[in-house]
Amino acid sequence: FLLAGRMPELYVAMLGALKNGTVVSPLFSAFGPEPIATRVNIGEARVLVTTDGLYRRKVARIRHEMPSLEHVLLVPEGDELAAEDGTLDLRALMDAASDAFEVERTAPEDPSLLHFTSGTTGTPKGAIHVHVAAVTHWATGLYALDLHPQDRYWCTADPGWVTGTSYGIIAPL
């Protein structure tokens, strides 16, 4: 699960997880603690990538309410990471990682993304997108948005919502 604003680590985590064959669930960074916990629990998240500030404000005090959450990878919002118990420094992990990476082979119907409804009319519902749907996001960026390598493009939708993932991350990148 990803809980961050538009920052390089959000995009790297999203694309890296997809290349790893991991199901990714982006969360709207303006969510409060309860909507975050609800989605993490429904999706049985094992890993959360977030910033140290969002973790302190929204996750730390309710982490015990998310039993499936095994790892929290923090991105510092300032120059230094405000270390928290039971968390890891994503930048330090990335610095220590090998440059060699093999993309996981996936089938068209393998799950790739987990998005949630807004929850305004009840408990949020999860919707799984398969890898072939992610290819469709790219294709609509190419044909519907008419994106070209030299274009400058900005998607106004937050990456935590379907449109922000489809047209803010997958289609242009």
C-alpha atoms as a PDB file:
ATOM      1  CA  PHE A   1       0.000   0.000   0.000  1.00  0.00           C
ATOM      2  CA  LEU A   2       1.204   3.512  -0.806  1.00  0.00           C
ATOM      3  CA  LEU A   3       0.325   6.545   1.309  1.00  0.00           C
ATOM      4  CA  ALA A   4       2.194   9.584   0.033  1.00  0.00           C
ATOM      5  CA  GLY A   5       1.752  12.745  -1.936  1.00  0.00           C
ATOM      6  CA  ARG A   6       3.297  13.293  -5.340  1.00  0.00           C
ATOM      7  CA  MET A   7       6.945  12.581  -4.665  1.00  0.00           C
ATOM      8  CA  PRO A   8       9.510  10.512  -6.577  1.00  0.00           C
ATOM      9  CA  GLU A   9       9.377   7.659  -4.068  1.00  0.00           C
ATOM     10  CA  LEU A  10       5.638   7.208  -4.683  1.00  0.00           C
ATOM     11  CA  TYR A  11       6.210   6.674  -8.404  1.00  0.00           C
ATOM     12  CA  VAL A  12       9.273   4.465  -7.856  1.00  0.00           C
ATOM     13  CA  ALA A  13       7.391   2.329  -5.319  1.00  0.00           C
ATOM     14  CA  MET A  14       4.341   1.997  -7.587  1.00  0.00           C
ATOM     15  CA  LEU A  15       6.256   1.042 -10.716  1.00  0.00           C
ATOM     16  CA  GLY A  16       8.755  -1.115  -8.813  1.00  0.00           C
ATOM     17  CA  ALA A  17       5.982  -3.058  -7.095  1.00  0.00           C
ATOM     18  CA  LEU A  18       4.195  -3.638 -10.405  1.00  0.00           C
ATOM     19  CA  LYS A  19       7.456  -4.851 -11.956  1.00  0.00           C
ATOM     20  CA  ASN A  20       7.901  -7.115  -8.931  1.00  0.00           C
ATOM     21  CA  GLY A  21       4.485  -8.689  -9.504  1.00  0.00           C
ATOM     22  CA  THR A  22       3.140  -7.196  -6.273  1.00  0.00           C
ATOM     23  CA  VAL A  23      -0.450  -6.007  -6.053  1.00  0.00           C
ATOM     24  CA  VAL A  24      -0.331  -2.263  -5.347  1.00  0.00           C
ATOM     25  CA  SER A  25      -2.968  -0.213  -3.581  1.00  0.00           C
ATOM     26  CA  PRO A  26      -2.462   3.558  -3.612  1.00  0.00           C
ATOM     27  CA  LEU A  27      -4.215   5.503  -0.846  1.00  0.00           C
ATOM     28  CA  PHE A  28      -5.378   9.121  -0.944  1.00  0.00           C
ATOM     29  CA  SER A  29      -2.841  10.959   1.210  1.00  0.00           C
ATOM     30  CA  ALA A  30      -5.539  13.225   2.703  1.00  0.00           C
ATOM     31  CA  PHE A  31      -7.317  10.224   4.270  1.00  0.00           C
ATOM     32  CA  GLY A  32      -7.509  10.211   8.039  1.00  0.00           C
ATOM     33  CA  PRO A  33      -6.484   7.282  10.234  1.00  0.00           C
ATOM     34  CA  GLU A  34      -9.806   5.402  10.085  1.00  0.00           C
ATOM     35  CA  PRO A  35     -10.132   5.329   6.252  1.00  0.00           C
ATOM     36  CA  ILE A  36      -6.501   4.216   6.027  1.00  0.00           C
ATOM     37  CA  ALA A  37      -6.965   1.395   8.550  1.00  0.00           C
ATOM     38  CA  THR A  38     -10.201   0.276   6.883  1.00  0.00           C
ATOM     39  CA  ARG A  39      -8.551  -0.099   3.479  1.00  0.00           C
ATOM     40  CA  VAL A  40      -5.357  -1.649   4.848  1.00  0.00           C
ATOM     41  CA  ASN A  41      -7.448  -4.240   6.693  1.00  0.00           C
ATOM     42  CA  ILE A  42      -9.774  -5.006   3.777  1.00  0.00           C
ATOM     43  CA  GLY A  43      -6.778  -5.404   1.457  1.00  0.00           C
ATOM     44  CA  GLU A  44      -4.757  -7.309   4.061  1.00  0.00           C
ATOM     45  CA  ALA A  45      -1.757  -5.075   3.387  1.00  0.00           C
ATOM     46  CA  ARG A  46       1.621  -6.473   4.321  1.00  0.00           C
ATOM     47  CA  VAL A  47       3.722  -3.423   3.391  1.00  0.00           C
ATOM     48  CA  LEU A  48       3.016   0.294   3.657  1.00  0.00           C
ATOM     49  CA  VAL A  49       5.207   2.920   1.990  1.00  0.00           C
ATOM     50  CA  THR A  50       4.613   6.378   3.455  1.00  0.00           C
ATOM     51  CA  THR A  51       6.407   9.453   4.760  1.00  0.00           C
ATOM     52  CA  ASP A  52       7.591   9.844   8.328  1.00  0.00           C
ATOM     53  CA  GLY A  53       5.161  12.728   8.848  1.00  0.00           C
ATOM     54  CA  LEU A  54       2.113  10.869   7.516  1.00  0.00           C
ATOM     55  CA  TYR A  55       3.089   7.842   9.564  1.00  0.00           C
ATOM     56  CA  ARG A  56       3.308   9.866  12.792  1.00  0.00           C
ATOM     57  CA  ARG A  57       0.061  11.772  12.139  1.00  0.00           C
ATOM     58  CA  LYS A  58      -2.109   9.011  10.677  1.00  0.00           C
ATOM     59  CA  VAL A  59      -0.739   5.508  11.205  1.00  0.00           C
ATOM     60  CA  ALA A  60       1.515   5.128  14.267  1.00  0.00           C
ATOM     61  CA  ARG A  61      -1.198   5.306  16.910  1.00  0.00           C
ATOM     62  CA  ILE A  62      -3.488   2.861  15.061  1.00  0.00           C
ATOM     63  CA  ARG A  63      -0.888   0.470  13.663  1.00  0.00           C
ATOM     64  CA  HIS A  64      -1.940  -2.163  16.197  1.00  0.00           C
ATOM     65  CA  GLU A  65      -5.385  -2.133  14.527  1.00  0.00           C
ATOM     66  CA  MET A  66      -3.847  -3.377  11.248  1.00  0.00           C
ATOM     67  CA  PRO A  67      -2.714  -6.936  12.050  1.00  0.00           C
ATOM     68  CA  SER A  68      -1.639  -7.878   8.514  1.00  0.00           C
ATOM     69  CA  LEU A  69       0.792  -4.926   8.260  1.00  0.00           C
ATOM     70  CA  GLU A  70       4.294  -6.397   8.590  1.00  0.00           C
ATOM     71  CA  HIS A  71       6.533  -3.637   7.206  1.00  0.00           C
ATOM     72  CA  VAL A  72       6.361   0.147   7.133  1.00  0.00           C
ATOM     73  CA  LEU A  73       8.870   1.826   4.818  1.00  0.00           C
ATOM     74  CA  LEU A  74       9.331   5.513   5.599  1.00  0.00           C
ATOM     75  CA  VAL A  75      10.467   8.336   3.343  1.00  0.00           C
ATOM     76  CA  PRO A  76      11.826  11.343   5.230  1.00  0.00           C
ATOM     77  CA  GLU A  77       9.946  14.575   4.611  1.00  0.00           C
ATOM     78  CA  GLY A  78      12.980  16.601   5.680  1.00  0.00           C
ATOM     79  CA  ASP A  79      16.710  16.060   5.495  1.00  0.00           C
ATOM     80  CA  GLU A  80      16.704  13.389   8.182  1.00  0.00           C
ATOM     81  CA  LEU A  81      14.365  10.547   8.949  1.00  0.00           C
ATOM     82  CA  ALA A  82      12.511  10.753  12.250  1.00  0.00           C
ATOM     83  CA  ALA A  83      13.037   7.094  13.165  1.00  0.00           C
ATOM     84  CA  GLU A  84      10.042   5.195  14.509  1.00  0.00           C
ATOM     85  CA  ASP A  85       9.947   1.802  16.168  1.00  0.00           C
ATOM     86  CA  GLY A  86       9.087  -0.972  13.753  1.00  0.00           C
ATOM     87  CA  THR A  87       9.755   1.061  10.608  1.00  0.00           C
ATOM     88  CA  LEU A  88      12.454   1.029   7.962  1.00  0.00           C
ATOM     89  CA  ASP A  89      14.106   3.849   6.017  1.00  0.00           C
ATOM     90  CA  LEU A  90      13.106   3.391   2.356  1.00  0.00           C
ATOM     91  CA  ARG A  91      15.930   5.574   1.034  1.00  0.00           C
ATOM     92  CA  ALA A  92      18.544   3.599   2.984  1.00  0.00           C
ATOM     93  CA  LEU A  93      17.060   0.349   1.680  1.00  0.00           C
ATOM     94  CA  MET A  94      17.126   1.671  -1.893  1.00  0.00           C
ATOM     95  CA  ASP A  95      20.731   2.881  -1.510  1.00  0.00           C
ATOM     96  CA  ALA A  96      21.753  -0.595  -0.330  1.00  0.00           C
ATOM     97  CA  ALA A  97      19.821  -2.445  -3.059  1.00  0.00           C
ATOM     98  CA  SER A  98      21.435  -3.877  -6.161  1.00  0.00           C
ATOM     99  CA  ASP A  99      21.012  -2.081  -9.480  1.00  0.00           C
ATOM    100  CA  ALA A 100      20.227  -5.449 -11.091  1.00  0.00           C
ATOM    101  CA  PHE A 101      16.532  -6.207 -11.265  1.00  0.00           C
ATOM    102  CA  GLU A 102      14.596  -8.828 -13.113  1.00  0.00           C
ATOM    103  CA  VAL A 103      10.980  -8.020 -13.939  1.00  0.00           C
ATOM    104  CA  GLU A 104       8.559 -10.667 -12.657  1.00  0.00           C
ATOM    105  CA  ARG A 105       6.690 -12.430 -15.430  1.00  0.00           C
ATOM    106  CA  THR A 106       2.954 -11.990 -15.016  1.00  0.00           C
ATOM    107  CA  ALA A 107      -0.053 -13.223 -16.928  1.00  0.00           C
ATOM    108  CA  PRO A 108      -2.695 -10.818 -18.302  1.00  0.00           C
ATOM    109  CA  GLU A 109      -5.232 -11.861 -15.641  1.00  0.00           C
ATOM    110  CA  ASP A 110      -2.829 -11.662 -12.668  1.00  0.00           C
ATOM    111  CA  PRO A 111      -3.880  -8.939 -10.195  1.00  0.00           C
ATOM    112  CA  SER A 112      -1.878  -5.720 -10.341  1.00  0.00           C
ATOM    113  CA  LEU A 113      -3.802  -2.919  -8.607  1.00  0.00           C
ATOM    114  CA  LEU A 114      -6.285  -2.736  -5.766  1.00  0.00           C
ATOM    115  CA  HIS A 115      -8.393   0.412  -5.761  1.00  0.00           C
ATOM    116  CA  PHE A 116     -11.158   1.283  -3.349  1.00  0.00           C
ATOM    117  CA  THR A 117     -14.405   3.156  -3.678  1.00  0.00           C
ATOM    118  CA  SER A 118     -14.630   6.376  -1.692  1.00  0.00           C
ATOM    119  CA  GLY A 119     -16.593   4.867   1.174  1.00  0.00           C
ATOM    120  CA  THR A 120     -19.069   7.753   1.232  1.00  0.00           C
ATOM    121  CA  THR A 121     -22.073   5.394   1.149  1.00  0.00           C
ATOM    122  CA  GLY A 122     -20.725   2.671   3.435  1.00  0.00           C
ATOM    123  CA  THR A 123     -17.703   0.466   3.781  1.00  0.00           C
ATOM    124  CA  PRO A 124     -15.270   1.022   0.886  1.00  0.00           C
ATOM    125  CA  LYS A 125     -15.288  -1.722  -1.700  1.00  0.00           C
ATOM    126  CA  GLY A 126     -12.072  -2.991  -3.220  1.00  0.00           C
ATOM    127  CA  ALA A 127     -11.738  -3.449  -6.972  1.00  0.00           C
ATOM    128  CA  ILE A 128      -8.885  -5.519  -8.388  1.00  0.00           C
ATOM    129  CA  HIS A 129      -7.363  -4.455 -11.702  1.00  0.00           C
ATOM    130  CA  VAL A 130      -5.392  -7.094 -13.599  1.00  0.00           C
ATOM    131  CA  HIS A 131      -2.182  -6.545 -15.546  1.00  0.00           C
ATOM    132  CA  VAL A 132      -3.946  -6.401 -18.904  1.00  0.00           C
ATOM    133  CA  ALA A 133      -6.021  -3.492 -17.492  1.00  0.00           C
ATOM    134  CA  ALA A 134      -2.783  -1.674 -16.639  1.00  0.00           C
ATOM    135  CA  VAL A 135      -1.741  -2.118 -20.273  1.00  0.00           C
ATOM    136  CA  THR A 136      -5.089  -0.593 -21.232  1.00  0.00           C
ATOM    137  CA  HIS A 137      -4.332   2.432 -18.993  1.00  0.00           C
ATOM    138  CA  TRP A 138      -1.131   2.902 -20.981  1.00  0.00           C
ATOM    139  CA  ALA A 139      -2.948   2.483 -24.305  1.00  0.00           C
ATOM    140  CA  THR A 140      -5.593   5.055 -23.427  1.00  0.00           C
ATOM    141  CA  GLY A 141      -2.822   7.466 -22.524  1.00  0.00           C
ATOM    142  CA  LEU A 142      -1.297   6.891 -25.917  1.00  0.00           C
ATOM    143  CA  TYR A 143      -4.507   7.076 -27.951  1.00  0.00           C
ATOM    144  CA  ALA A 144      -7.109   8.985 -25.892  1.00  0.00           C
ATOM    145  CA  LEU A 145      -4.733  11.479 -24.268  1.00  0.00           C
ATOM    146  CA  ASP A 146      -2.405  11.458 -27.294  1.00  0.00           C
ATOM    147  CA  LEU A 147       0.685  11.535 -25.060  1.00  0.00           C
ATOM    148  CA  HIS A 148       4.089  11.761 -26.756  1.00  0.00           C
ATOM    149  CA  PRO A 149       7.573  11.549 -25.205  1.00  0.00           C
ATOM    150  CA  GLN A 150       8.214  15.283 -25.647  1.00  0.00           C
ATOM    151  CA  ASP A 151       4.901  16.309 -24.009  1.00  0.00           C
ATOM    152  CA  ARG A 152       4.610  17.970 -20.631  1.00  0.00           C
ATOM    153  CA  TYR A 153       1.613  16.495 -18.917  1.00  0.00           C
ATOM    154  CA  TRP A 154       0.049  16.849 -15.482  1.00  0.00           C
ATOM    155  CA  CYS A 155      -2.827  14.777 -14.139  1.00  0.00           C
ATOM    156  CA  THR A 156      -4.814  16.730 -11.565  1.00  0.00           C
ATOM    157  CA  ALA A 157      -6.213  13.578  -9.905  1.00  0.00           C
ATOM    158  CA  ASP A 158      -4.411  12.372  -6.782  1.00  0.00           C
ATOM    159  CA  PRO A 159      -2.459   9.117  -7.322  1.00  0.00           C
ATOM    160  CA  GLY A 160      -4.581   7.566  -4.565  1.00  0.00           C
ATOM    161  CA  TRP A 161      -7.589   7.471  -6.892  1.00  0.00           C
ATOM    162  CA  VAL A 162      -8.071   5.377 -10.043  1.00  0.00           C
ATOM    163  CA  THR A 163      -7.695   8.287 -12.455  1.00  0.00           C
ATOM    164  CA  GLY A 164      -4.545   9.504 -10.700  1.00  0.00           C
ATOM    165  CA  THR A 165      -2.999   6.050 -10.947  1.00  0.00           C
ATOM    166  CA  SER A 166      -4.104   5.411 -14.521  1.00  0.00           C
ATOM    167  CA  TYR A 167      -3.405   8.828 -16.013  1.00  0.00           C
ATOM    168  CA  GLY A 168      -0.950  10.240 -13.511  1.00  0.00           C
ATOM    169  CA  ILE A 169       1.418   7.266 -13.252  1.00  0.00           C
ATOM    170  CA  ILE A 170       0.866   4.371 -15.659  1.00  0.00           C
ATOM    171  CA  ALA A 171      -0.138   6.164 -18.878  1.00  0.00           C
ATOM    172  CA  PRO A 172       2.571   8.855 -18.903  1.00  0.00           C
ATOM    173  CA  LEU A 173       5.391   6.801 -17.381  1.00  0.00           C
END
